[in-house]
Each structure stands twice: as C-alpha cells, then as structure tokens.
C-alpha cells in the first residue's frame, strides 16, 4: 500500500476513534492500527468471499476486535499491571498476543488474551491478579 493511502487511513481512524481516547507513545501508532484494520479487512473479505470496503472493515474491526479488547484493557487489574503504558500501545500489544494465542487456541477470547499478556509481561498486583484469573 502506498504511504499516502496509509496516512489517509491512519488519519481517518484517529478521527473516527477520537472518543476512544487512544494514545500512543510511538509516532507511528495510528499507522500500525490502520495496518491491523487492513489485515482485518483482508481476512473479512476472504471469510465472506466478497469485496469489503474500508468503512465496513473499520466497523467490523471496531465491534469485533477493538471493543472486546478495550473492555479488558480498561479494567483496573490490567491497567495496574501496566500503569505507565499508553492505552493505544497496550491495545496493539494485546492484539498481537491475541493473534498468537489464536494460532494455538482458536477459541481464545479477548479477555483470555489480555489476562495472558498481563500475566506474562505485566507488573505488580495486576500481574498476580491476572495469573489468578487465568
């Protein structure tokens, strides 16, 4: 994908998700998020055997990926395991971890992925509590 199209998609996501309060510590965080949506768009098109628009892909990604992940990432036990991390960075990391888990556990949920991530990479009581909940 050319960089102009990628920048446009990253900008459109930052506008669409303004109320989600995502922040990134890296300057390319929105670009990485747009890449996640682009991969979801490809997967969705393959699964449905049809062409999927960017807008439809964003909607599907938001409802099926982002909302479940954000619900868990925003929980107190998860945030306490990563007190200084930007929410957007955590979303990207947990999303990658979820993809990894699904290769070994196809039915792994967003909650399982976030708790697994926190139990492996978190700190303090949040890490302990996540291990307990797994």
Protein backbone atom coordinates (compact mmCIF):
# COMPACT_ATOMS: atom_id res chain seq x y z
CA UNK A 1 0.00 0.00 0.00
CA UNK A 2 1.36 3.43 -0.80
CA UNK A 3 2.19 5.79 2.02
CA UNK A 4 -0.39 8.46 1.10
CA UNK A 5 -3.23 5.93 1.31
CA UNK A 6 -1.82 4.59 4.58
CA UNK A 7 -1.62 8.11 6.04
CA UNK A 8 -5.20 8.82 4.96
CA UNK A 9 -6.37 5.62 6.65
CA UNK A 10 -4.44 6.41 9.82
CA UNK A 11 -5.93 9.92 9.88
CA UNK A 12 -9.44 8.61 9.31
CA UNK A 13 -9.01 6.14 12.18
CA UNK A 14 -7.75 8.83 14.54
CA UNK A 15 -10.80 10.92 13.66
CA UNK A 16 -13.27 8.03 13.93
CA UNK A 17 -11.81 6.85 17.23
CA UNK A 18 -11.33 10.27 18.85
CA UNK A 19 -13.77 9.35 21.63
CA UNK A 20 -11.91 6.09 22.38
CA UNK A 21 -9.07 8.09 24.00
CA UNK A 22 -6.33 6.02 22.38
CA UNK A 23 -2.88 7.43 22.80
CA UNK A 24 0.41 6.05 21.54
CA UNK A 25 3.96 6.53 22.73
CA UNK A 26 5.22 5.87 19.20
CA UNK A 27 4.67 8.32 16.35
CA UNK A 28 3.52 5.50 14.04
CA UNK A 29 0.85 4.13 16.40
CA UNK A 30 -2.07 5.17 14.19
CA UNK A 31 -0.30 3.69 11.17
CA UNK A 32 0.06 0.38 12.98
CA UNK A 33 -3.59 0.49 13.96
CA UNK A 34 -4.56 1.15 10.33
CA UNK A 35 -2.47 -1.88 9.38
CA UNK A 36 -4.45 -4.00 11.87
CA UNK A 37 -7.69 -2.84 10.26
CA UNK A 38 -6.28 -3.53 6.79
CA UNK A 39 -5.45 -7.11 7.85
CA UNK A 40 -8.93 -7.47 9.31
CA UNK A 41 -10.35 -6.18 6.01
CA UNK A 42 -8.41 -8.84 4.11
CA UNK A 43 -9.49 -11.61 6.49
CA UNK A 44 -13.11 -10.44 6.36
CA UNK A 45 -13.08 -10.38 2.55
CA UNK A 46 -11.67 -13.90 2.47
CA UNK A 47 -14.18 -15.19 5.01
CA UNK A 48 -17.17 -13.62 3.27
CA UNK A 49 -15.81 -14.21 -0.23
CA UNK A 50 -16.60 -10.65 -1.24
CA UNK A 51 -15.02 -7.23 -1.53
CA UNK A 52 -15.14 -5.33 1.77
CA UNK A 53 -14.92 -1.53 1.92
CA UNK A 54 -12.59 0.27 4.32
CA UNK A 55 -15.58 1.68 6.21
CA UNK A 56 -17.16 -1.76 6.61
CA UNK A 57 -13.84 -3.19 7.74
CA UNK A 58 -13.40 -0.43 10.33
CA UNK A 59 -16.91 -1.06 11.67
CA UNK A 60 -16.37 -4.83 11.86
CA UNK A 61 -12.91 -4.43 13.41
CA UNK A 62 -14.20 -1.95 15.98
CA UNK A 63 -17.16 -4.07 17.04
CA UNK A 64 -15.44 -7.48 16.97
CA UNK A 65 -11.86 -6.70 17.91
CA UNK A 66 -11.47 -3.26 19.46
CA UNK A 67 -14.49 -3.19 21.79
CA UNK A 68 -13.76 -6.58 23.42
CA UNK A 69 -10.06 -5.74 23.80
CA UNK A 70 -10.69 -2.24 25.09
CA UNK A 71 -13.16 -3.56 27.67
CA UNK A 72 -10.43 -5.75 29.17
CA UNK A 73 -7.54 -3.31 28.67
CA UNK A 74 -9.53 -0.64 30.53
CA UNK A 75 -10.11 -2.88 33.56
CA UNK A 76 -8.35 -1.88 36.78
CA UNK A 77 -6.37 -5.11 37.13
CA UNK A 78 -4.99 -4.87 33.60
CA UNK A 79 -4.17 -1.14 33.89
CA UNK A 80 -2.45 -1.77 37.23
CA UNK A 81 -0.16 -4.29 35.52
CA UNK A 82 0.89 -1.57 33.04
CA UNK A 83 0.50 1.74 34.89
CA UNK A 84 2.68 3.87 32.62
CA UNK A 85 1.78 2.37 29.25
CA UNK A 86 -0.25 4.26 26.67
CA UNK A 87 -3.63 2.64 26.00
CA UNK A 88 -3.01 2.50 22.25
CA UNK A 89 0.31 0.74 22.76
CA UNK A 90 -1.37 -1.78 25.03
CA UNK A 91 -4.11 -2.40 22.50
CA UNK A 92 -1.53 -3.12 19.78
CA UNK A 93 0.49 -5.42 22.03
CA UNK A 94 -2.52 -7.38 23.31
CA UNK A 95 -3.94 -7.61 19.80
CA UNK A 96 -0.69 -9.18 18.58
CA UNK A 97 -0.70 -11.51 21.59
CA UNK A 98 -4.32 -12.49 20.85
CA UNK A 99 -3.37 -13.33 17.26
CA UNK A 100 -0.53 -15.53 18.59
CA UNK A 101 -2.83 -17.27 21.08
CA UNK A 102 -5.44 -18.00 18.42
CA UNK A 103 -2.85 -19.99 16.49
CA UNK A 104 -2.65 -22.37 19.46
CA UNK A 105 -6.11 -21.86 21.00
CA UNK A 106 -8.56 -20.96 18.19
CA UNK A 107 -11.33 -20.05 20.65
CA UNK A 108 -9.20 -17.73 22.79
CA UNK A 109 -11.19 -14.65 23.75
CA UNK A 110 -10.02 -11.06 24.13
CA UNK A 111 -10.26 -11.49 27.89
CA UNK A 112 -8.02 -14.57 27.84
CA UNK A 113 -5.53 -12.79 25.60
CA UNK A 114 -5.36 -9.72 27.85
CA UNK A 115 -5.04 -11.77 31.03
CA UNK A 116 -2.36 -13.96 29.44
CA UNK A 117 -0.48 -10.88 28.26
CA UNK A 118 -0.68 -9.26 31.71
CA UNK A 119 0.37 -12.45 33.48
CA UNK A 120 3.44 -12.76 31.23
CA UNK A 121 4.51 -9.14 30.79
CA UNK A 122 2.75 -7.12 33.49
CA UNK A 123 3.98 -5.87 36.85
CA UNK A 124 2.83 -5.80 40.45
CA UNK A 125 -0.57 -6.82 41.72
CA UNK A 126 -2.10 -6.58 38.24
CA UNK A 127 0.22 -9.34 37.02
CA UNK A 128 -0.55 -11.50 40.03
CA UNK A 129 -4.30 -10.93 39.74
CA UNK A 130 -4.23 -11.78 36.03
CA UNK A 131 -2.44 -15.04 36.78
CA UNK A 132 -5.07 -15.82 39.38
CA UNK A 133 -7.91 -15.12 36.93
CA UNK A 134 -6.39 -17.32 34.20
